[in-house]
PDB file of N, CA and C in Angstrom:
ATOM      1  N   MET A   1      -6.346 -13.901   6.879  1.00  0.00           N
ATOM      2  CA  MET A   1      -6.179 -12.615   6.241  1.00  0.00           C
ATOM      3  C   MET A   1      -5.111 -11.821   6.985  1.00  0.00           C
ATOM      4  N   ILE A   2      -4.405 -11.000   6.212  1.00  0.00           N
ATOM      5  CA  ILE A   2      -3.466 -10.063   6.813  1.00  0.00           C
ATOM      6  C   ILE A   2      -3.707  -8.685   6.207  1.00  0.00           C
ATOM      7  N   ARG A   3      -3.242  -7.683   6.924  1.00  0.00           N
ATOM      8  CA  ARG A   3      -3.212  -6.314   6.428  1.00  0.00           C
ATOM      9  C   ARG A   3      -1.758  -5.868   6.475  1.00  0.00           C
ATOM     10  N   VAL A   4      -1.343  -5.171   5.445  1.00  0.00           N
ATOM     11  CA  VAL A   4       0.000  -4.612   5.414  1.00  0.00           C
ATOM     12  C   VAL A   4      -0.132  -3.097   5.396  1.00  0.00           C
ATOM     13  N   VAL A   5       0.459  -2.455   6.399  1.00  0.00           N
ATOM     14  CA  VAL A   5       0.409  -1.007   6.511  1.00  0.00           C
ATOM     15  C   VAL A   5       1.728  -0.449   5.987  1.00  0.00           C
ATOM     16  N   TYR A   6       1.623   0.292   4.893  1.00  0.00           N
ATOM     17  CA  TYR A   6       2.781   0.961   4.312  1.00  0.00           C
ATOM     18  C   TYR A   6       2.726   2.425   4.731  1.00  0.00           C
ATOM     19  N   ARG A   7       3.807   2.919   5.292  1.00  0.00           N
ATOM     20  CA  ARG A   7       3.896   4.344   5.648  1.00  0.00           C
ATOM     21  C   ARG A   7       4.757   5.033   4.608  1.00  0.00           C
ATOM     22  N   TRP A   8       4.287   6.185   4.170  1.00  0.00           N
ATOM     23  CA  TRP A   8       4.958   6.948   3.124  1.00  0.00           C
ATOM     24  C   TRP A   8       5.156   8.388   3.567  1.00  0.00           C
ATOM     25  N   LYS A   9       6.202   8.999   3.050  1.00  0.00           N
ATOM     26  CA  LYS A   9       6.415  10.438   3.173  1.00  0.00           C
ATOM     27  C   LYS A   9       6.292  10.979   1.751  1.00  0.00           C
ATOM     28  N   VAL A  10       5.230  11.766   1.520  1.00  0.00           N
ATOM     29  CA  VAL A  10       4.941  12.283   0.183  1.00  0.00           C
ATOM     30  C   VAL A  10       4.812  13.806   0.278  1.00  0.00           C
ATOM     31  N   GLN A  11       5.661  14.494  -0.423  1.00  0.00           N
ATOM     32  CA  GLN A  11       5.606  15.956  -0.416  1.00  0.00           C
ATOM     33  C   GLN A  11       4.291  16.426  -1.043  1.00  0.00           C
ATOM     34  N   ASP A  12       3.764  17.525  -0.522  1.00  0.00           N
ATOM     35  CA  ASP A  12       2.467  18.034  -0.959  1.00  0.00           C
ATOM     36  C   ASP A  12       2.407  18.230  -2.479  1.00  0.00           C
ATOM     37  N   ALA A  13       3.488  18.716  -3.057  1.00  0.00           N
ATOM     38  CA  ALA A  13       3.515  18.962  -4.503  1.00  0.00           C
ATOM     39  C   ALA A  13       3.421  17.666  -5.307  1.00  0.00           C
ATOM     40  N   GLN A  14       3.756  16.547  -4.690  1.00  0.00           N
ATOM     41  CA  GLN A  14       3.734  15.246  -5.367  1.00  0.00           C
ATOM     42  C   GLN A  14       2.477  14.433  -5.050  1.00  0.00           C
ATOM     43  N   PHE A  15       1.661  14.910  -4.104  1.00  0.00           N
ATOM     44  CA  PHE A  15       0.580  14.068  -3.603  1.00  0.00           C
ATOM     45  C   PHE A  15      -0.452  13.706  -4.669  1.00  0.00           C
ATOM     46  N   ALA A  16      -0.913  14.639  -5.458  1.00  0.00           N
ATOM     47  CA  ALA A  16      -1.951  14.342  -6.461  1.00  0.00           C
ATOM     48  C   ALA A  16      -1.468  13.265  -7.430  1.00  0.00           C
ATOM     49  N   GLU A  17      -0.232  13.364  -7.872  1.00  0.00           N
ATOM     50  CA  GLU A  17       0.317  12.353  -8.787  1.00  0.00           C
ATOM     51  C   GLU A  17       0.505  11.023  -8.062  1.00  0.00           C
ATOM     52  N   PHE A  18       0.983  11.082  -6.803  1.00  0.00           N
ATOM     53  CA  PHE A  18       1.139   9.859  -6.010  1.00  0.00           C
ATOM     54  C   PHE A  18      -0.203   9.146  -5.876  1.00  0.00           C
ATOM     55  N   GLN A  19      -1.252   9.896  -5.577  1.00  0.00           N
ATOM     56  CA  GLN A  19      -2.584   9.306  -5.416  1.00  0.00           C
ATOM     57  C   GLN A  19      -3.034   8.638  -6.714  1.00  0.00           C
ATOM     58  N   LYS A  20      -2.808   9.293  -7.831  1.00  0.00           N
ATOM     59  CA  LYS A  20      -3.192   8.733  -9.127  1.00  0.00           C
ATOM     60  C   LYS A  20      -2.414   7.439  -9.414  1.00  0.00           C
ATOM     61  N   VAL A  21      -1.105   7.474  -9.168  1.00  0.00           N
ATOM     62  CA  VAL A  21      -0.265   6.297  -9.407  1.00  0.00           C
ATOM     63  C   VAL A  21      -0.638   5.178  -8.448  1.00  0.00           C
ATOM     64  N   TRP A  22      -0.872   5.517  -7.172  1.00  0.00           N
ATOM     65  CA  TRP A  22      -1.275   4.502  -6.195  1.00  0.00           C
ATOM     66  C   TRP A  22      -2.582   3.828  -6.623  1.00  0.00           C
ATOM     67  N   SER A  23      -3.548   4.607  -7.067  1.00  0.00           N
ATOM     68  CA  SER A  23      -4.833   4.048  -7.491  1.00  0.00           C
ATOM     69  C   SER A  23      -4.641   3.048  -8.626  1.00  0.00           C
ATOM     70  N   ARG A  24      -3.891   3.431  -9.620  1.00  0.00           N
ATOM     71  CA  ARG A  24      -3.623   2.534 -10.747  1.00  0.00           C
ATOM     72  C   ARG A  24      -2.855   1.297 -10.276  1.00  0.00           C
ATOM     73  N   THR A  25      -1.846   1.513  -9.441  1.00  0.00           N
ATOM     74  CA  THR A  25      -1.005   0.411  -8.954  1.00  0.00           C
ATOM     75  C   THR A  25      -1.796  -0.576  -8.114  1.00  0.00           C
ATOM     76  N   THR A  26      -2.542  -0.076  -7.136  1.00  0.00           N
ATOM     77  CA  THR A  26      -3.266  -0.982  -6.242  1.00  0.00           C
ATOM     78  C   THR A  26      -4.330  -1.767  -6.996  1.00  0.00           C
ATOM     79  N   ASN A  27      -4.986  -1.138  -7.955  1.00  0.00           N
ATOM     80  CA  ASN A  27      -5.997  -1.862  -8.731  1.00  0.00           C
ATOM     81  C   ASN A  27      -5.362  -2.912  -9.635  1.00  0.00           C
ATOM     82  N   THR A  28      -4.211  -2.596 -10.218  1.00  0.00           N
ATOM     83  CA  THR A  28      -3.506  -3.576 -11.044  1.00  0.00           C
ATOM     84  C   THR A  28      -3.041  -4.762 -10.209  1.00  0.00           C
ATOM     85  N   ILE A  29      -2.477  -4.481  -9.041  1.00  0.00           N
ATOM     86  CA  ILE A  29      -2.043  -5.569  -8.152  1.00  0.00           C
ATOM     87  C   ILE A  29      -3.239  -6.429  -7.772  1.00  0.00           C
ATOM     88  N   HIS A  30      -4.334  -5.798  -7.386  1.00  0.00           N
ATOM     89  CA  HIS A  30      -5.544  -6.528  -6.993  1.00  0.00           C
ATOM     90  C   HIS A  30      -6.041  -7.434  -8.120  1.00  0.00           C
ATOM     91  N   GLU A  31      -5.965  -6.959  -9.346  1.00  0.00           N
ATOM     92  CA  GLU A  31      -6.479  -7.711 -10.492  1.00  0.00           C
ATOM     93  C   GLU A  31      -5.521  -8.787 -10.992  1.00  0.00           C
ATOM     94  N   THR A  32      -4.215  -8.662 -10.700  1.00  0.00           N
ATOM     95  CA  THR A  32      -3.249  -9.556 -11.334  1.00  0.00           C
ATOM     96  C   THR A  32      -2.407 -10.406 -10.389  1.00  0.00           C
ATOM     97  N   VAL A  33      -2.355 -10.070  -9.113  1.00  0.00           N
ATOM     98  CA  VAL A  33      -1.490 -10.792  -8.184  1.00  0.00           C
ATOM     99  C   VAL A  33      -2.342 -11.707  -7.300  1.00  0.00           C
ATOM    100  N   PRO A  34      -2.064 -13.008  -7.325  1.00  0.00           N
ATOM    101  CA  PRO A  34      -2.827 -13.936  -6.492  1.00  0.00           C
ATOM    102  C   PRO A  34      -2.782 -13.547  -5.015  1.00  0.00           C
ATOM    103  N   GLY A  35      -3.944 -13.556  -4.382  1.00  0.00           N
ATOM    104  CA  GLY A  35      -4.047 -13.276  -2.955  1.00  0.00           C
ATOM    105  C   GLY A  35      -4.219 -11.818  -2.593  1.00  0.00           C
ATOM    106  N   ALA A  36      -4.036 -10.901  -3.546  1.00  0.00           N
ATOM    107  CA  ALA A  36      -4.191  -9.471  -3.265  1.00  0.00           C
ATOM    108  C   ALA A  36      -5.671  -9.111  -3.260  1.00  0.00           C
ATOM    109  N   LEU A  37      -6.119  -8.433  -2.209  1.00  0.00           N
ATOM    110  CA  LEU A  37      -7.537  -8.130  -2.038  1.00  0.00           C
ATOM    111  C   LEU A  37      -7.842  -6.632  -2.039  1.00  0.00           C
ATOM    112  N   GLY A  38      -6.885  -5.810  -2.481  1.00  0.00           N
ATOM    113  CA  GLY A  38      -7.128  -4.370  -2.551  1.00  0.00           C
ATOM    114  C   GLY A  38      -6.545  -3.628  -1.366  1.00  0.00           C
ATOM    115  N   SER A  39      -6.691  -2.307  -1.403  1.00  0.00           N
ATOM    116  CA  SER A  39      -6.152  -1.492  -0.317  1.00  0.00           C
ATOM    117  C   SER A  39      -6.873  -0.145  -0.252  1.00  0.00           C
ATOM    118  N   PHE A  40      -6.568   0.612   0.801  1.00  0.00           N
ATOM    119  CA  PHE A  40      -7.093   1.961   0.934  1.00  0.00           C
ATOM    120  C   PHE A  40      -5.962   2.882   1.377  1.00  0.00           C
ATOM    121  N   MET A  41      -6.189   4.188   1.218  1.00  0.00           N
ATOM    122  CA  MET A  41      -5.178   5.191   1.541  1.00  0.00           C
ATOM    123  C   MET A  41      -5.705   6.134   2.620  1.00  0.00           C
ATOM    124  N   LEU A  42      -4.811   6.506   3.530  1.00  0.00           N
ATOM    125  CA  LEU A  42      -5.103   7.479   4.581  1.00  0.00           C
ATOM    126  C   LEU A  42      -4.047   8.566   4.548  1.00  0.00           C
ATOM    127  N   ARG A  43      -4.454   9.791   4.896  1.00  0.00           N
ATOM    128  CA  ARG A  43      -3.512  10.915   4.937  1.00  0.00           C
ATOM    129  C   ARG A  43      -3.770  11.705   6.213  1.00  0.00           C
ATOM    130  N   SER A  44      -2.708  12.020   6.925  1.00  0.00           N
ATOM    131  CA  SER A  44      -2.834  12.751   8.178  1.00  0.00           C
ATOM    132  C   SER A  44      -3.311  14.189   7.937  1.00  0.00           C
ATOM    133  N   PRO A  45      -4.314  14.638   8.690  1.00  0.00           N
ATOM    134  CA  PRO A  45      -4.735  16.036   8.558  1.00  0.00           C
ATOM    135  C   PRO A  45      -3.729  16.995   9.211  1.00  0.00           C
ATOM    136  N   ASP A  46      -2.904  16.482  10.119  1.00  0.00           N
ATOM    137  CA  ASP A  46      -1.935  17.322  10.818  1.00  0.00           C
ATOM    138  C   ASP A  46      -0.613  17.456  10.073  1.00  0.00           C
ATOM    139  N   ASP A  47      -0.228  16.397   9.362  1.00  0.00           N
ATOM    140  CA  ASP A  47       1.006  16.405   8.578  1.00  0.00           C
ATOM    141  C   ASP A  47       0.666  15.803   7.221  1.00  0.00           C
ATOM    142  N   GLN A  48       0.390  16.659   6.269  1.00  0.00           N
ATOM    143  CA  GLN A  48      -0.085  16.222   4.951  1.00  0.00           C
ATOM    144  C   GLN A  48       0.930  15.365   4.200  1.00  0.00           C
ATOM    145  N   THR A  49       2.170  15.324   4.669  1.00  0.00           N
ATOM    146  CA  THR A  49       3.168  14.465   4.014  1.00  0.00           C
ATOM    147  C   THR A  49       3.135  13.036   4.549  1.00  0.00           C
ATOM    148  N   ASP A  50       2.368  12.806   5.622  1.00  0.00           N
ATOM    149  CA  ASP A  50       2.272  11.491   6.268  1.00  0.00           C
ATOM    150  C   ASP A  50       1.106  10.717   5.647  1.00  0.00           C
ATOM    151  N   VAL A  51       1.440   9.708   4.851  1.00  0.00           N
ATOM    152  CA  VAL A  51       0.442   8.929   4.114  1.00  0.00           C
ATOM    153  C   VAL A  51       0.603   7.455   4.484  1.00  0.00           C
ATOM    154  N   MET A  52      -0.530   6.778   4.669  1.00  0.00           N
ATOM    155  CA  MET A  52      -0.524   5.334   4.890  1.00  0.00           C
ATOM    156  C   MET A  52      -1.389   4.680   3.827  1.00  0.00           C
ATOM    157  N   THR A  53      -0.914   3.553   3.326  1.00  0.00           N
ATOM    158  CA  THR A  53      -1.740   2.718   2.473  1.00  0.00           C
ATOM    159  C   THR A  53      -1.841   1.373   3.172  1.00  0.00           C
ATOM    160  N   VAL A  54      -3.032   0.822   3.191  1.00  0.00           N
ATOM    161  CA  VAL A  54      -3.275  -0.417   3.928  1.00  0.00           C
ATOM    162  C   VAL A  54      -3.830  -1.446   2.955  1.00  0.00           C
ATOM    163  N   ALA A  55      -3.050  -2.489   2.721  1.00  0.00           N
ATOM    164  CA  ALA A  55      -3.430  -3.533   1.773  1.00  0.00           C
ATOM    165  C   ALA A  55      -3.942  -4.766   2.510  1.00  0.00           C
ATOM    166  N   LYS A  56      -4.891  -5.429   1.892  1.00  0.00           N
ATOM    167  CA  LYS A  56      -5.454  -6.662   2.451  1.00  0.00           C
ATOM    168  C   LYS A  56      -5.004  -7.832   1.564  1.00  0.00           C
ATOM    169  N   TRP A  57      -4.509  -8.874   2.213  1.00  0.00           N
ATOM    170  CA  TRP A  57      -4.027 -10.068   1.520  1.00  0.00           C
ATOM    171  C   TRP A  57      -4.673 -11.310   2.116  1.00  0.00           C
ATOM    172  N   GLU A  58      -4.874 -12.319   1.269  1.00  0.00           N
ATOM    173  CA  GLU A  58      -5.456 -13.580   1.741  1.00  0.00           C
ATOM    174  C   GLU A  58      -4.584 -14.263   2.777  1.00  0.00           C
ATOM    175  N   SER A  59      -3.260 -14.165   2.617  1.00  0.00           N
ATOM    176  CA  SER A  59      -2.356 -14.841   3.555  1.00  0.00           C
ATOM    177  C   SER A  59      -0.972 -14.212   3.522  1.00  0.00           C
ATOM    178  N   MET A  60      -0.191 -14.515   4.531  1.00  0.00           N
ATOM    179  CA  MET A  60       1.198 -14.069   4.586  1.00  0.00           C
ATOM    180  C   MET A  60       1.978 -14.647   3.401  1.00  0.00           C
ATOM    181  N   ALA A  61       1.700 -15.884   3.043  1.00  0.00           N
ATOM    182  CA  ALA A  61       2.400 -16.516   1.918  1.00  0.00           C
ATOM    183  C   ALA A  61       2.155 -15.762   0.612  1.00  0.00           C
ATOM    184  N   HIS A  62       0.920 -15.331   0.379  1.00  0.00           N
ATOM    185  CA  HIS A  62       0.625 -14.555  -0.830  1.00  0.00           C
ATOM    186  C   HIS A  62       1.403 -13.237  -0.839  1.00  0.00           C
ATOM    187  N   TRP A  63       1.392 -12.534   0.294  1.00  0.00           N
ATOM    188  CA  TRP A  63       2.097 -11.257   0.349  1.00  0.00           C
ATOM    189  C   TRP A  63       3.596 -11.446   0.180  1.00  0.00           C
ATOM    190  N   LYS A  64       4.171 -12.457   0.840  1.00  0.00           N
ATOM    191  CA  LYS A  64       5.613 -12.703   0.709  1.00  0.00           C
ATOM    192  C   LYS A  64       5.985 -13.039  -0.729  1.00  0.00           C
ATOM    193  N   ALA A  65       5.134 -13.774  -1.431  1.00  0.00           N
ATOM    194  CA  ALA A  65       5.405 -14.082  -2.832  1.00  0.00           C
ATOM    195  C   ALA A  65       5.443 -12.800  -3.660  1.00  0.00           C
ATOM    196  N   PHE A  66       4.579 -11.845  -3.344  1.00  0.00           N
ATOM    197  CA  PHE A  66       4.565 -10.550  -4.022  1.00  0.00           C
ATOM    198  C   PHE A  66       5.743  -9.690  -3.589  1.00  0.00           C
ATOM    199  N   TRP A  67       5.993  -9.620  -2.296  1.00  0.00           N
ATOM    200  CA  TRP A  67       6.952  -8.693  -1.713  1.00  0.00           C
ATOM    201  C   TRP A  67       8.376  -9.015  -2.134  1.00  0.00           C
ATOM    202  N   GLY A  68       8.743 -10.280  -2.207  1.00  0.00           N
ATOM    203  CA  GLY A  68      10.068 -10.680  -2.674  1.00  0.00           C
ATOM    204  C   GLY A  68      11.189  -9.962  -1.952  1.00  0.00           C
ATOM    205  N   ALA A  69      11.940  -9.160  -2.690  1.00  0.00           N
ATOM    206  CA  ALA A  69      13.107  -8.457  -2.139  1.00  0.00           C
ATOM    207  C   ALA A  69      12.730  -7.093  -1.562  1.00  0.00           C
ATOM    208  N   ALA A  70      11.489  -6.875  -1.236  1.00  0.00           N
ATOM    209  CA  ALA A  70      10.977  -5.660  -0.594  1.00  0.00           C
ATOM    210  C   ALA A  70      10.850  -4.474  -1.540  1.00  0.00           C
ATOM    211  N   ASN A  71      11.082  -4.664  -2.811  1.00  0.00           N
ATOM    212  CA  ASN A  71      10.921  -3.578  -3.776  1.00  0.00           C
ATOM    213  C   ASN A  71      10.208  -4.084  -5.021  1.00  0.00           C
ATOM    214  N   PRO A  72       8.952  -4.500  -4.877  1.00  0.00           N
ATOM    215  CA  PRO A  72       8.227  -5.019  -6.035  1.00  0.00           C
ATOM    216  C   PRO A  72       8.205  -4.005  -7.183  1.00  0.00           C
ATOM    217  N   GLN A  73       8.449  -4.499  -8.372  1.00  0.00           N
ATOM    218  CA  GLN A  73       8.462  -3.633  -9.551  1.00  0.00           C
ATOM    219  C   GLN A  73       7.150  -2.869  -9.704  1.00  0.00           C
ATOM    220  N   GLN A  74       6.030  -3.506  -9.330  1.00  0.00           N
ATOM    221  CA  GLN A  74       4.730  -2.853  -9.473  1.00  0.00           C
ATOM    222  C   GLN A  74       4.646  -1.551  -8.686  1.00  0.00           C
ATOM    223  N   MET A  75       5.470  -1.401  -7.638  1.00  0.00           N
ATOM    224  CA  MET A  75       5.414  -0.209  -6.797  1.00  0.00           C
ATOM    225  C   MET A  75       6.501   0.816  -7.130  1.00  0.00           C
ATOM    226  N   ALA A  76       7.252   0.602  -8.193  1.00  0.00           N
ATOM    227  CA  ALA A  76       8.371   1.483  -8.536  1.00  0.00           C
ATOM    228  C   ALA A  76       7.923   2.922  -8.776  1.00  0.00           C
ATOM    229  N   ASP A  77       6.803   3.115  -9.469  1.00  0.00           N
ATOM    230  CA  ASP A  77       6.338   4.479  -9.742  1.00  0.00           C
ATOM    231  C   ASP A  77       5.930   5.200  -8.461  1.00  0.00           C
ATOM    232  N   MET A  78       5.399   4.464  -7.492  1.00  0.00           N
ATOM    233  CA  MET A  78       5.055   5.073  -6.205  1.00  0.00           C
ATOM    234  C   MET A  78       6.328   5.490  -5.468  1.00  0.00           C
ATOM    235  N   ARG A  79       7.341   4.621  -5.505  1.00  0.00           N
ATOM    236  CA  ARG A  79       8.602   4.930  -4.820  1.00  0.00           C
ATOM    237  C   ARG A  79       9.306   6.126  -5.464  1.00  0.00           C
ATOM    238  N   ALA A  80       9.040   6.382  -6.731  1.00  0.00           N
ATOM    239  CA  ALA A  80       9.635   7.539  -7.403  1.00  0.00           C
ATOM    240  C   ALA A  80       9.001   8.848  -6.924  1.00  0.00           C
ATOM    241  N   LEU A  81       7.776   8.775  -6.417  1.00  0.00           N
ATOM    242  CA  LEU A  81       7.046   9.975  -5.988  1.00  0.00           C
ATOM    243  C   LEU A  81       7.044  10.190  -4.477  1.00  0.00           C
ATOM    244  N   GLY A  82       7.228   9.114  -3.721  1.00  0.00           N
ATOM    245  CA  GLY A  82       7.196   9.216  -2.266  1.00  0.00           C
ATOM    246  C   GLY A  82       8.206   8.270  -1.656  1.00  0.00           C
ATOM    247  N   GLU A  83       8.623   8.567  -0.445  1.00  0.00           N
ATOM    248  CA  GLU A  83       9.565   7.712   0.270  1.00  0.00           C
ATOM    249  C   GLU A  83       8.783   6.721   1.124  1.00  0.00           C
ATOM    250  N   ARG A  84       8.980   5.439   0.872  1.00  0.00           N
ATOM    251  CA  ARG A  84       8.337   4.427   1.713  1.00  0.00           C
ATOM    252  C   ARG A  84       9.131   4.335   3.006  1.00  0.00           C
ATOM    253  N   ILE A  85       8.474   4.621   4.118  1.00  0.00           N
ATOM    254  CA  ILE A  85       9.114   4.631   5.428  1.00  0.00           C
ATOM    255  C   ILE A  85       9.137   3.225   6.029  1.00  0.00           C
ATOM    256  N   SER A  86       8.034   2.492   5.857  1.00  0.00           N
ATOM    257  CA  SER A  86       7.958   1.151   6.449  1.00  0.00           C
ATOM    258  C   SER A  86       6.848   0.349   5.799  1.00  0.00           C
ATOM    259  N   ALA A  87       6.919  -0.950   6.023  1.00  0.00           N
ATOM    260  CA  ALA A  87       5.848  -1.875   5.648  1.00  0.00           C
ATOM    261  C   ALA A  87       5.723  -2.861   6.802  1.00  0.00           C
ATOM    262  N   THR A  88       4.566  -2.845   7.461  1.00  0.00           N
ATOM    263  CA  THR A  88       4.354  -3.667   8.651  1.00  0.00           C
ATOM    264  C   THR A  88       3.143  -4.562   8.429  1.00  0.00           C
ATOM    265  N   VAL A  89       3.307  -5.840   8.741  1.00  0.00           N
ATOM    266  CA  VAL A  89       2.237  -6.824   8.551  1.00  0.00           C
ATOM    267  C   VAL A  89       1.494  -7.037   9.865  1.00  0.00           C
ATOM    268  N   TYR A  90       0.158  -7.105   9.757  1.00  0.00           N
ATOM    269  CA  TYR A  90      -0.706  -7.392  10.910  1.00  0.00           C
ATOM    270  C   TYR A  90      -1.671  -8.503  10.535  1.00  0.00           C
ATOM    271  N   ASP A  91      -1.907  -9.425  11.460  1.00  0.00           N
ATOM    272  CA  ASP A  91      -2.975 -10.410  11.268  1.00  0.00           C
ATOM    273  C   ASP A  91      -4.307  -9.706  11.436  1.00  0.00           C
ATOM    274  N   GLU A  92      -5.227  -9.975  10.534  1.00  0.00           N
ATOM    275  CA  GLU A  92      -6.569  -9.403  10.669  1.00  0.00           C
ATOM    276  C   GLU A  92      -7.373 -10.313  11.606  1.00  0.00           C
ATOM    277  N   ILE A  93      -7.826  -9.758  12.692  1.00  0.00           N
ATOM    278  CA  ILE A  93      -8.584 -10.529  13.679  1.00  0.00           C
ATOM    279  C   ILE A  93     -10.078 -10.411  13.407  1.00  0.00           C
ATOM    280  N   ASP A  94     -10.573  -9.205  13.282  1.00  0.00           N
ATOM    281  CA  ASP A  94     -11.978  -8.929  12.963  1.00  0.00           C
ATOM    282  C   ASP A  94     -12.041  -7.684  12.107  1.00  0.00           C
ATOM    283  N   ASP A  95     -13.103  -7.570  11.342  1.00  0.00           N
ATOM    284  CA  ASP A  95     -13.333  -6.368  10.539  1.00  0.00           C
ATOM    285  C   ASP A  95     -14.828  -6.135  10.486  1.00  0.00           C
ATOM    286  N   PHE A  96     -15.276  -5.097  11.166  1.00  0.00           N
ATOM    287  CA  PHE A  96     -16.695  -4.774  11.178  1.00  0.00           C
ATOM    288  C   PHE A  96     -17.014  -3.533  10.344  1.00  0.00           C
ATOM    289  N   THR A  97     -16.064  -3.156   9.444  1.00  0.00           N
ATOM    290  CA  THR A  97     -16.364  -2.030   8.557  1.00  0.00           C
ATOM    291  C   THR A  97     -17.380  -2.444   7.515  1.00  0.00           C
ATOM    292  N   ARG A  98     -18.062  -1.494   6.970  1.00  0.00           N
ATOM    293  CA  ARG A  98     -19.076  -1.785   5.943  1.00  0.00           C
ATOM    294  C   ARG A  98     -18.663  -1.196   4.630  1.00  0.00           C
TER     295      ARG A  98
END
């Protein structure tokens, strides 16, 4: 398993729409893209424009097949509302969340 941490800069006026689009996007990816296992969103309480989305994938190969040229069409509406700062891949070692 891997986790991909996407960092976003989303202006406060755009956040509600970004959240709605992200929810639709992440659920569609989870339902239609092989190896996609869903994601969650975090927002900094200190800087409300600092948003992270963390996706879970079965493998690096699955994510790379999705990621392609680093601008998957499925994420275009999110990129229209927020600036993607980075996408960083981490191997999942353990997960004790419930």
